[in-house]
Amino acid sequence: MKRFLPVLLFLFLTLFLAACRPNEKINFLSYQAYPFSARGLLTFDNAEYEVLVTVPRAGDLRLQLAAPKLLKGTVLTLEDGTVTVSVGDLTQTVRDGGYAASDGILLAARMFSLTGNNFSDAGVTTEDNVRYSYAEYQVEGGSVRVFIREGCSAPEKLTATLNGHDFSFLFMNES
């Protein structure tokens, strides 16, 4: 009986630990069903914008600014590498040698164009007493982290460092 007790204890612990692990795989990229739109708070180098993000396909991006009030209604678009800015009925193509897409706010397109091939790391973290699972993806010019709150199935926020710029995107729940 003494030799059987350690085997029984080991079996019990194995079953207990297996029961504590979630059986479902988390799909960190579930938000990327193209085309898609998401409302949220986009922070670019400490400047915060309320935006409607529209992504017709990977690599393209449309940011419609809702706040700050001064920029409300401005639309920034990156499509096939071409940048346009629209305000009201006025639309202008930006010919800046690629700056807007490589060092400006439109770098955010990389946050919404991830693939499983970009995956580099995963883990669990706690921020402001909230426990998150995260996955990190390496992209051109930096990395993107996708955070899902424990017990949820859709991402709550994204963070990124891209070409030396800091980004975050907090998904806003529609009511």
N, C-alpha and C. Protein backbone atom coordinates (compact mmCIF):
# COMPACT_ATOMS: atom_id res chain seq x y z
N MET A 1 0.82 -1.19 0.00
CA MET A 1 0.00 0.00 0.00
C MET A 1 0.87 1.27 0.00
N LYS A 2 2.03 1.22 0.72
CA LYS A 2 2.89 2.38 0.79
C LYS A 2 3.46 2.73 -0.58
N ARG A 3 3.74 1.72 -1.41
CA ARG A 3 4.27 1.98 -2.74
C ARG A 3 3.17 2.48 -3.68
N PHE A 4 1.94 2.13 -3.42
CA PHE A 4 0.81 2.53 -4.25
C PHE A 4 0.39 3.98 -3.98
N LEU A 5 0.60 4.47 -2.75
CA LEU A 5 0.19 5.82 -2.35
C LEU A 5 0.88 6.91 -3.18
N PRO A 6 2.21 6.87 -3.42
CA PRO A 6 2.82 7.91 -4.26
C PRO A 6 2.29 7.90 -5.70
N VAL A 7 2.04 6.72 -6.24
CA VAL A 7 1.49 6.63 -7.59
C VAL A 7 0.09 7.24 -7.63
N LEU A 8 -0.71 6.95 -6.63
CA LEU A 8 -2.07 7.49 -6.55
C LEU A 8 -2.02 9.01 -6.37
N LEU A 9 -1.12 9.50 -5.53
CA LEU A 9 -0.97 10.94 -5.33
C LEU A 9 -0.53 11.62 -6.62
N PHE A 10 0.43 11.03 -7.33
CA PHE A 10 0.88 11.58 -8.60
C PHE A 10 -0.26 11.63 -9.62
N LEU A 11 -1.04 10.57 -9.70
CA LEU A 11 -2.17 10.53 -10.62
C LEU A 11 -3.21 11.59 -10.27
N PHE A 12 -3.49 11.76 -8.99
CA PHE A 12 -4.46 12.76 -8.55
C PHE A 12 -3.98 14.17 -8.91
N LEU A 13 -2.71 14.48 -8.63
CA LEU A 13 -2.16 15.80 -8.95
C LEU A 13 -2.17 16.07 -10.45
N THR A 14 -1.85 15.05 -11.24
CA THR A 14 -1.87 15.21 -12.69
C THR A 14 -3.28 15.53 -13.18
N LEU A 15 -4.26 14.80 -12.69
CA LEU A 15 -5.66 15.05 -13.08
C LEU A 15 -6.12 16.43 -12.60
N PHE A 16 -5.73 16.82 -11.40
CA PHE A 16 -6.13 18.12 -10.86
C PHE A 16 -5.54 19.26 -11.70
N LEU A 17 -4.25 19.18 -12.01
CA LEU A 17 -3.61 20.22 -12.79
C LEU A 17 -4.16 20.28 -14.21
N ALA A 18 -4.47 19.14 -14.78
CA ALA A 18 -5.04 19.13 -16.13
C ALA A 18 -6.43 19.76 -16.12
N ALA A 19 -7.18 19.59 -15.05
CA ALA A 19 -8.52 20.18 -14.96
C ALA A 19 -8.44 21.70 -14.81
N CYS A 20 -7.35 22.22 -14.26
CA CYS A 20 -7.21 23.66 -14.06
C CYS A 20 -6.81 24.40 -15.32
N ARG A 21 -6.24 23.70 -16.28
CA ARG A 21 -5.83 24.35 -17.52
C ARG A 21 -7.03 24.50 -18.44
N PRO A 22 -7.15 25.65 -19.08
CA PRO A 22 -8.25 25.79 -20.03
C PRO A 22 -8.04 24.88 -21.23
N ASN A 23 -9.11 24.25 -21.68
CA ASN A 23 -9.03 23.36 -22.82
C ASN A 23 -9.18 24.12 -24.14
N GLU A 24 -9.72 25.31 -24.08
CA GLU A 24 -9.93 26.10 -25.29
C GLU A 24 -8.67 26.88 -25.63
N LYS A 25 -8.35 26.93 -26.90
CA LYS A 25 -7.24 27.76 -27.34
C LYS A 25 -7.79 29.17 -27.55
N ILE A 26 -6.99 30.14 -27.17
CA ILE A 26 -7.39 31.53 -27.34
C ILE A 26 -7.01 31.97 -28.74
N ASN A 27 -7.96 32.58 -29.44
CA ASN A 27 -7.68 33.11 -30.77
C ASN A 27 -7.42 34.61 -30.64
N PHE A 28 -6.17 34.97 -30.52
CA PHE A 28 -5.80 36.36 -30.31
C PHE A 28 -6.08 37.22 -31.55
N LEU A 29 -6.21 36.61 -32.69
CA LEU A 29 -6.42 37.35 -33.93
C LEU A 29 -7.87 37.31 -34.41
N SER A 30 -8.79 36.98 -33.51
CA SER A 30 -10.20 36.86 -33.89
C SER A 30 -10.78 38.17 -34.40
N TYR A 31 -10.24 39.28 -34.00
CA TYR A 31 -10.74 40.59 -34.43
C TYR A 31 -10.38 40.90 -35.88
N GLN A 32 -9.51 40.11 -36.49
CA GLN A 32 -9.00 40.39 -37.83
C GLN A 32 -9.73 39.59 -38.91
N ALA A 33 -11.03 39.59 -38.91
CA ALA A 33 -11.80 38.96 -39.98
C ALA A 33 -12.09 40.07 -41.00
N TYR A 34 -11.31 40.10 -42.08
CA TYR A 34 -11.39 41.20 -43.04
C TYR A 34 -12.65 41.09 -43.88
N PRO A 35 -13.27 42.18 -44.23
CA PRO A 35 -13.04 43.52 -43.69
C PRO A 35 -13.63 43.62 -42.29
N PHE A 36 -13.05 44.49 -41.47
CA PHE A 36 -13.61 44.69 -40.13
C PHE A 36 -13.48 46.15 -39.72
N SER A 37 -14.32 46.50 -38.75
CA SER A 37 -14.29 47.84 -38.16
C SER A 37 -14.30 47.70 -36.66
N ALA A 38 -13.68 48.64 -35.99
CA ALA A 38 -13.67 48.66 -34.53
C ALA A 38 -13.58 50.11 -34.06
N ARG A 39 -14.34 50.41 -33.04
CA ARG A 39 -14.28 51.73 -32.42
C ARG A 39 -13.37 51.60 -31.21
N GLY A 40 -12.54 52.63 -31.00
CA GLY A 40 -11.66 52.54 -29.85
C GLY A 40 -10.86 53.80 -29.61
N LEU A 41 -10.00 53.70 -28.61
CA LEU A 41 -9.08 54.79 -28.28
C LEU A 41 -7.70 54.39 -28.77
N LEU A 42 -7.18 55.18 -29.70
CA LEU A 42 -5.87 54.95 -30.27
C LEU A 42 -4.91 55.97 -29.69
N THR A 43 -3.84 55.49 -29.08
CA THR A 43 -2.81 56.38 -28.55
C THR A 43 -1.57 56.23 -29.43
N PHE A 44 -1.07 57.36 -29.87
CA PHE A 44 0.13 57.41 -30.71
C PHE A 44 1.09 58.38 -30.04
N ASP A 45 2.20 57.87 -29.51
CA ASP A 45 3.19 58.69 -28.81
C ASP A 45 2.52 59.65 -27.81
N ASN A 46 1.70 59.12 -26.95
CA ASN A 46 1.03 59.83 -25.85
C ASN A 46 -0.10 60.76 -26.28
N ALA A 47 -0.40 60.86 -27.56
CA ALA A 47 -1.55 61.64 -28.02
C ALA A 47 -2.71 60.66 -28.21
N GLU A 48 -3.86 60.97 -27.64
CA GLU A 48 -5.00 60.04 -27.67
C GLU A 48 -6.07 60.52 -28.64
N TYR A 49 -6.58 59.57 -29.43
CA TYR A 49 -7.61 59.85 -30.42
C TYR A 49 -8.72 58.81 -30.27
N GLU A 50 -9.96 59.26 -30.31
CA GLU A 50 -11.06 58.31 -30.43
C GLU A 50 -11.27 58.10 -31.92
N VAL A 51 -11.27 56.84 -32.34
CA VAL A 51 -11.29 56.55 -33.77
C VAL A 51 -12.25 55.41 -34.10
N LEU A 52 -12.68 55.41 -35.35
CA LEU A 52 -13.31 54.25 -35.94
C LEU A 52 -12.27 53.71 -36.91
N VAL A 53 -11.79 52.52 -36.64
CA VAL A 53 -10.79 51.86 -37.47
C VAL A 53 -11.53 50.96 -38.45
N THR A 54 -11.21 51.08 -39.71
CA THR A 54 -11.75 50.17 -40.73
C THR A 54 -10.57 49.57 -41.46
N VAL A 55 -10.57 48.24 -41.56
CA VAL A 55 -9.49 47.53 -42.23
C VAL A 55 -10.12 46.65 -43.32
N PRO A 56 -10.06 47.10 -44.57
CA PRO A 56 -10.66 46.32 -45.65
C PRO A 56 -9.86 45.05 -45.96
N ARG A 57 -8.54 45.12 -45.76
CA ARG A 57 -7.65 43.97 -45.98
C ARG A 57 -6.34 44.26 -45.26
N ALA A 58 -5.57 43.22 -45.03
CA ALA A 58 -4.30 43.38 -44.33
C ALA A 58 -3.42 44.42 -45.03
N GLY A 59 -2.86 45.33 -44.24
CA GLY A 59 -1.96 46.34 -44.75
C GLY A 59 -2.63 47.67 -45.05
N ASP A 60 -3.93 47.66 -45.25
CA ASP A 60 -4.67 48.91 -45.51
C ASP A 60 -5.37 49.34 -44.22
N LEU A 61 -5.65 50.63 -44.11
CA LEU A 61 -6.25 51.16 -42.88
C LEU A 61 -6.99 52.45 -43.17
N ARG A 62 -8.12 52.61 -42.49
CA ARG A 62 -8.88 53.86 -42.55
C ARG A 62 -9.15 54.27 -41.11
N LEU A 63 -8.68 55.45 -40.72
CA LEU A 63 -8.92 55.98 -39.37
C LEU A 63 -9.84 57.19 -39.49
N GLN A 64 -11.04 57.06 -38.94
CA GLN A 64 -11.96 58.19 -38.89
C GLN A 64 -11.91 58.73 -37.47
N LEU A 65 -11.45 59.98 -37.33
CA LEU A 65 -11.26 60.57 -36.01
C LEU A 65 -12.57 61.12 -35.46
N ALA A 66 -12.88 60.76 -34.22
CA ALA A 66 -14.08 61.27 -33.54
C ALA A 66 -13.69 62.26 -32.44
N ALA A 67 -12.47 62.18 -31.96
CA ALA A 67 -11.96 63.10 -30.94
C ALA A 67 -10.45 63.07 -31.04
N PRO A 68 -9.79 64.18 -30.76
CA PRO A 68 -10.28 65.40 -30.14
C PRO A 68 -11.20 66.18 -31.08
N LYS A 69 -11.95 67.07 -30.48
CA LYS A 69 -12.99 67.82 -31.20
C LYS A 69 -12.43 68.56 -32.42
N LEU A 70 -11.24 69.11 -32.30
CA LEU A 70 -10.62 69.86 -33.39
C LEU A 70 -10.44 69.01 -34.65
N LEU A 71 -10.21 67.71 -34.48
CA LEU A 71 -9.95 66.82 -35.62
C LEU A 71 -11.15 65.96 -36.00
N LYS A 72 -12.27 66.13 -35.29
CA LYS A 72 -13.45 65.29 -35.52
C LYS A 72 -13.85 65.33 -37.00
N GLY A 73 -14.06 64.14 -37.56
CA GLY A 73 -14.46 64.03 -38.96
C GLY A 73 -13.31 63.85 -39.93
N THR A 74 -12.09 64.05 -39.48
CA THR A 74 -10.93 63.84 -40.33
C THR A 74 -10.77 62.34 -40.58
N VAL A 75 -10.47 61.98 -41.81
CA VAL A 75 -10.27 60.58 -42.16
C VAL A 75 -8.89 60.43 -42.78
N LEU A 76 -8.09 59.54 -42.20
CA LEU A 76 -6.76 59.22 -42.72
C LEU A 76 -6.84 57.82 -43.32
N THR A 77 -6.36 57.67 -44.54
CA THR A 77 -6.47 56.38 -45.22
C THR A 77 -5.12 55.95 -45.77
N LEU A 78 -4.81 54.69 -45.57
CA LEU A 78 -3.64 54.06 -46.18
C LEU A 78 -4.18 52.91 -47.03
N GLU A 79 -4.04 53.05 -48.35
CA GLU A 79 -4.54 52.02 -49.26
C GLU A 79 -3.50 51.77 -50.34
N ASP A 80 -3.04 50.53 -50.43
CA ASP A 80 -2.00 50.16 -51.40
C ASP A 80 -0.79 51.08 -51.31
N GLY A 81 -0.43 51.49 -50.09
CA GLY A 81 0.74 52.33 -49.87
C GLY A 81 0.51 53.82 -50.10
N THR A 82 -0.70 54.20 -50.55
CA THR A 82 -1.02 55.60 -50.79
C THR A 82 -1.78 56.17 -49.60
N VAL A 83 -1.37 57.34 -49.14
CA VAL A 83 -1.98 58.00 -48.00
C VAL A 83 -2.87 59.13 -48.49
N THR A 84 -4.10 59.17 -47.97
CA THR A 84 -4.99 60.30 -48.26
C THR A 84 -5.55 60.82 -46.94
N VAL A 85 -5.84 62.12 -46.94
CA VAL A 85 -6.47 62.79 -45.80
C VAL A 85 -7.74 63.43 -46.32
N SER A 86 -8.85 63.19 -45.63
CA SER A 86 -10.14 63.77 -46.02
C SER A 86 -10.71 64.55 -44.85
N VAL A 87 -11.21 65.74 -45.17
CA VAL A 87 -11.93 66.57 -44.20
C VAL A 87 -13.14 67.11 -44.95
N GLY A 88 -14.31 66.69 -44.50
CA GLY A 88 -15.52 67.11 -45.21
C GLY A 88 -15.49 66.59 -46.64
N ASP A 89 -15.71 67.47 -47.60
CA ASP A 89 -15.70 67.10 -49.02
C ASP A 89 -14.32 67.18 -49.66
N LEU A 90 -13.33 67.59 -48.89
CA LEU A 90 -11.99 67.78 -49.42
C LEU A 90 -11.13 66.55 -49.14
N THR A 91 -10.52 65.98 -50.18
CA THR A 91 -9.62 64.83 -50.05
C THR A 91 -8.31 65.16 -50.73
N GLN A 92 -7.22 64.88 -50.04
CA GLN A 92 -5.89 65.19 -50.57
C GLN A 92 -4.99 63.97 -50.41
N THR A 93 -4.31 63.60 -51.50
CA THR A 93 -3.30 62.55 -51.43
C THR A 93 -2.05 63.17 -50.83
N VAL A 94 -1.43 62.46 -49.90
CA VAL A 94 -0.23 62.96 -49.22
C VAL A 94 0.99 62.35 -49.91
N ARG A 95 1.81 63.21 -50.45
CA ARG A 95 3.04 62.76 -51.12
C ARG A 95 4.22 63.18 -50.24
N ASP A 96 4.50 62.33 -49.28
CA ASP A 96 5.51 62.68 -48.28
C ASP A 96 6.68 61.70 -48.28
N GLY A 97 6.83 60.94 -49.33
CA GLY A 97 7.92 59.97 -49.38
C GLY A 97 7.70 58.78 -48.47
N GLY A 98 6.47 58.56 -48.01
CA GLY A 98 6.15 57.41 -47.19
C GLY A 98 6.17 57.66 -45.69
N TYR A 99 6.45 58.91 -45.26
CA TYR A 99 6.55 59.20 -43.83
C TYR A 99 5.27 58.84 -43.07
N ALA A 100 4.11 59.20 -43.59
CA ALA A 100 2.86 58.98 -42.88
C ALA A 100 2.62 57.50 -42.57
N ALA A 101 3.04 56.64 -43.46
CA ALA A 101 2.83 55.21 -43.27
C ALA A 101 3.98 54.53 -42.54
N SER A 102 5.16 55.15 -42.51
CA SER A 102 6.30 54.50 -41.87
C SER A 102 6.69 55.12 -40.54
N ASP A 103 6.28 56.35 -40.27
CA ASP A 103 6.62 56.99 -39.01
C ASP A 103 5.46 57.78 -38.42
N GLY A 104 4.32 57.76 -39.05
CA GLY A 104 3.16 58.50 -38.55
C GLY A 104 2.11 57.58 -37.96
N ILE A 105 0.96 58.14 -37.70
CA ILE A 105 -0.12 57.41 -37.04
C ILE A 105 -0.62 56.22 -37.87
N LEU A 106 -0.42 56.26 -39.18
CA LEU A 106 -0.88 55.17 -40.02
C LEU A 106 -0.03 53.91 -39.91
N LEU A 107 1.06 54.00 -39.16
CA LEU A 107 1.81 52.79 -38.79
C LEU A 107 0.89 51.81 -38.06
N ALA A 108 -0.19 52.31 -37.49
CA ALA A 108 -1.16 51.47 -36.79
C ALA A 108 -1.69 50.36 -37.67
N ALA A 109 -1.59 50.49 -38.99
CA ALA A 109 -2.04 49.43 -39.89
C ALA A 109 -1.38 48.11 -39.54
N ARG A 110 -0.15 48.16 -39.07
CA ARG A 110 0.57 46.93 -38.72
C ARG A 110 -0.05 46.23 -37.50
N MET A 111 -0.74 46.99 -36.66
CA MET A 111 -1.40 46.40 -35.48
C MET A 111 -2.62 45.57 -35.88
N PHE A 112 -3.17 45.88 -37.04
CA PHE A 112 -4.40 45.23 -37.48
C PHE A 112 -4.16 44.31 -38.67
N SER A 113 -2.90 43.97 -38.92
CA SER A 113 -2.54 43.13 -40.07
C SER A 113 -1.61 42.01 -39.64
N LEU A 114 -1.91 41.37 -38.54
CA LEU A 114 -1.06 40.32 -37.99
C LEU A 114 -1.44 38.96 -38.57
N THR A 115 -0.49 38.05 -38.57
CA THR A 115 -0.76 36.67 -38.95
C THR A 115 -0.11 35.75 -37.92
N GLY A 116 -0.50 34.52 -37.94
CA GLY A 116 0.12 33.54 -37.06
C GLY A 116 1.60 33.40 -37.30
N ASN A 117 2.04 33.70 -38.52
CA ASN A 117 3.47 33.64 -38.85
C ASN A 117 4.27 34.68 -38.09
N ASN A 118 3.61 35.75 -37.62
CA ASN A 118 4.29 36.81 -36.88
C ASN A 118 4.44 36.47 -35.39
N PHE A 119 3.80 35.41 -34.92
CA PHE A 119 3.79 35.07 -33.49
C PHE A 119 5.20 34.88 -32.97
N SER A 120 5.47 35.47 -31.77
CA SER A 120 6.80 35.30 -31.18
C SER A 120 6.78 34.90 -29.71
N ASP A 121 5.69 35.21 -28.99
CA ASP A 121 5.69 34.94 -27.55
C ASP A 121 4.25 35.01 -27.03
N ALA A 122 4.03 34.40 -25.87
CA ALA A 122 2.72 34.48 -25.21
C ALA A 122 2.95 34.39 -23.72
N GLY A 123 1.98 34.88 -22.97
CA GLY A 123 2.09 34.83 -21.52
C GLY A 123 0.85 35.35 -20.85
N VAL A 124 0.98 35.55 -19.56
CA VAL A 124 -0.10 36.08 -18.73
C VAL A 124 0.48 37.23 -17.93
N THR A 125 -0.27 38.29 -17.80
CA THR A 125 0.18 39.46 -17.04
C THR A 125 -1.01 40.06 -16.30
N THR A 126 -0.71 40.85 -15.29
CA THR A 126 -1.76 41.57 -14.56
C THR A 126 -1.44 43.06 -14.64
N GLU A 127 -2.43 43.84 -15.09
CA GLU A 127 -2.30 45.29 -15.17
C GLU A 127 -3.52 45.91 -14.52
N ASP A 128 -3.32 46.84 -13.60
CA ASP A 128 -4.41 47.50 -12.88
C ASP A 128 -5.38 46.49 -12.29
N ASN A 129 -4.84 45.43 -11.69
CA ASN A 129 -5.61 44.36 -11.05
C ASN A 129 -6.48 43.57 -12.02
N VAL A 130 -6.18 43.63 -13.31
CA VAL A 130 -6.89 42.84 -14.32
C VAL A 130 -5.89 41.85 -14.90
N ARG A 131 -6.30 40.59 -14.96
CA ARG A 131 -5.43 39.53 -15.47
C ARG A 131 -5.71 39.34 -16.97
N TYR A 132 -4.65 39.38 -17.76
CA TYR A 132 -4.74 39.23 -19.21
C TYR A 132 -3.85 38.09 -19.68
N SER A 133 -4.30 37.42 -20.72
CA SER A 133 -3.43 36.57 -21.53
C SER A 133 -3.00 37.46 -22.69
N TYR A 134 -1.78 37.30 -23.14
CA TYR A 134 -1.33 38.10 -24.27
C TYR A 134 -0.53 37.24 -25.24
N ALA A 135 -0.52 37.70 -26.48
CA ALA A 135 0.34 37.11 -27.51
C ALA A 135 1.11 38.26 -28.14
N GLU A 136 2.36 38.01 -28.42
CA GLU A 136 3.21 39.03 -29.04
C GLU A 136 3.55 38.59 -30.45
N TYR A 137 3.55 39.57 -31.36
CA TYR A 137 3.81 39.33 -32.77
C TYR A 137 4.90 40.28 -33.23
N GLN A 138 5.87 39.75 -33.96
CA GLN A 138 6.94 40.56 -34.54
C GLN A 138 6.50 41.00 -35.93
N VAL A 139 6.56 42.29 -36.18
CA VAL A 139 6.19 42.85 -37.48
C VAL A 139 7.34 43.75 -37.94
N GLU A 140 7.25 44.20 -39.17
CA GLU A 140 8.27 45.10 -39.68
C GLU A 140 8.35 46.33 -38.79
N GLY A 141 9.52 46.61 -38.26
CA GLY A 141 9.74 47.79 -37.44
C GLY A 141 9.41 47.66 -35.97
N GLY A 142 9.03 46.45 -35.50
CA GLY A 142 8.75 46.33 -34.07
C GLY A 142 7.89 45.14 -33.70
N SER A 143 7.09 45.35 -32.67
CA SER A 143 6.26 44.25 -32.17
C SER A 143 4.90 44.77 -31.71
N VAL A 144 3.94 43.85 -31.71
CA VAL A 144 2.56 44.15 -31.30
C VAL A 144 2.15 43.10 -30.28
N ARG A 145 1.51 43.55 -29.21
CA ARG A 145 0.94 42.63 -28.21
C ARG A 145 -0.58 42.75 -28.24
N VAL A 146 -1.24 41.61 -28.22
CA VAL A 146 -2.70 41.53 -28.19
C VAL A 146 -3.09 40.99 -26.82
N PHE A 147 -3.97 41.71 -26.11
CA PHE A 147 -4.37 41.34 -24.76
C PHE A 147 -5.83 40.92 -24.72
N ILE A 148 -6.08 39.78 -24.08
CA ILE A 148 -7.44 39.29 -23.87
C ILE A 148 -7.63 39.11 -22.37
N ARG A 149 -8.70 39.71 -21.86
CA ARG A 149 -9.01 39.59 -20.44
C ARG A 149 -9.37 38.14 -20.13
N GLU A 150 -8.91 37.66 -19.00
CA GLU A 150 -9.18 36.29 -18.60
C GLU A 150 -10.68 36.02 -18.62
N GLY A 151 -11.08 34.95 -19.29
CA GLY A 151 -12.48 34.58 -19.37
C GLY A 151 -13.21 35.16 -20.57
N CYS A 152 -12.54 36.02 -21.34
CA CYS A 152 -13.17 36.63 -22.53
C CYS A 152 -12.63 35.95 -23.79
N SER A 153 -13.33 36.17 -24.89
CA SER A 153 -12.90 35.53 -26.14
C SER A 153 -12.39 36.52 -27.18
N ALA A 154 -12.58 37.81 -26.94
CA ALA A 154 -12.13 38.82 -27.91
C ALA A 154 -11.10 39.74 -27.25
N PRO A 155 -10.16 40.25 -28.03
CA PRO A 155 -9.16 41.16 -27.48
C PRO A 155 -9.78 42.41 -26.87
N GLU A 156 -9.13 42.91 -25.83
CA GLU A 156 -9.56 44.15 -25.19
C GLU A 156 -8.66 45.31 -25.59
N LYS A 157 -7.37 44.99 -25.80
CA LYS A 157 -6.45 46.06 -26.17
C LYS A 157 -5.26 45.50 -26.93
N LEU A 158 -4.61 46.41 -27.65
CA LEU A 158 -3.39 46.12 -28.38
C LEU A 158 -2.36 47.15 -27.96
N THR A 159 -1.11 46.77 -27.89
CA THR A 159 -0.03 47.72 -27.68
C THR A 159 1.05 47.41 -28.71
N ALA A 160 1.83 48.43 -29.06
CA ALA A 160 2.87 48.21 -30.06
C ALA A 160 3.98 49.23 -29.91
N THR A 161 5.16 48.82 -30.30
CA THR A 161 6.27 49.73 -30.52
C THR A 161 6.68 49.49 -31.97
N LEU A 162 6.50 50.54 -32.78
CA LEU A 162 6.73 50.43 -34.22
C LEU A 162 7.61 51.59 -34.69
N ASN A 163 8.75 51.27 -35.23
CA ASN A 163 9.71 52.28 -35.71
C ASN A 163 9.98 53.35 -34.65
N GLY A 164 10.06 52.92 -33.39
CA GLY A 164 10.36 53.84 -32.29
C GLY A 164 9.15 54.60 -31.75
N HIS A 165 7.96 54.34 -32.25
CA HIS A 165 6.74 55.01 -31.79
C HIS A 165 5.92 54.06 -30.94
N ASP A 166 5.29 54.59 -29.90
CA ASP A 166 4.45 53.78 -29.01
C ASP A 166 2.99 53.95 -29.38
N PHE A 167 2.31 52.82 -29.48
CA PHE A 167 0.90 52.77 -29.81
C PHE A 167 0.15 51.96 -28.78
N SER A 168 -1.13 52.29 -28.59
CA SER A 168 -2.05 51.39 -27.90
C SER A 168 -3.41 51.61 -28.53
N PHE A 169 -4.19 50.55 -28.52
CA PHE A 169 -5.56 50.63 -29.01
C PHE A 169 -6.43 49.90 -28.01
N LEU A 170 -7.41 50.61 -27.46
CA LEU A 170 -8.34 50.04 -26.50
C LEU A 170 -9.69 49.92 -27.18
N PHE A 171 -10.15 48.69 -27.39
CA PHE A 171 -11.45 48.47 -28.02
C PHE A 171 -12.53 49.03 -27.13
N MET A 172 -13.47 49.76 -27.71
CA MET A 172 -14.61 50.31 -26.97
C MET A 172 -15.83 49.45 -27.25
N ASN A 173 -16.51 49.06 -26.19
CA ASN A 173 -17.72 48.25 -26.36
C ASN A 173 -18.83 49.12 -26.92
N GLU A 174 -19.49 48.60 -27.93
CA GLU A 174 -20.65 49.28 -28.49
C GLU A 174 -21.86 48.91 -27.64
N SER A 175 -22.72 49.90 -27.33
CA SER A 175 -23.90 49.56 -26.55
C SER A 175 -25.15 49.91 -27.31
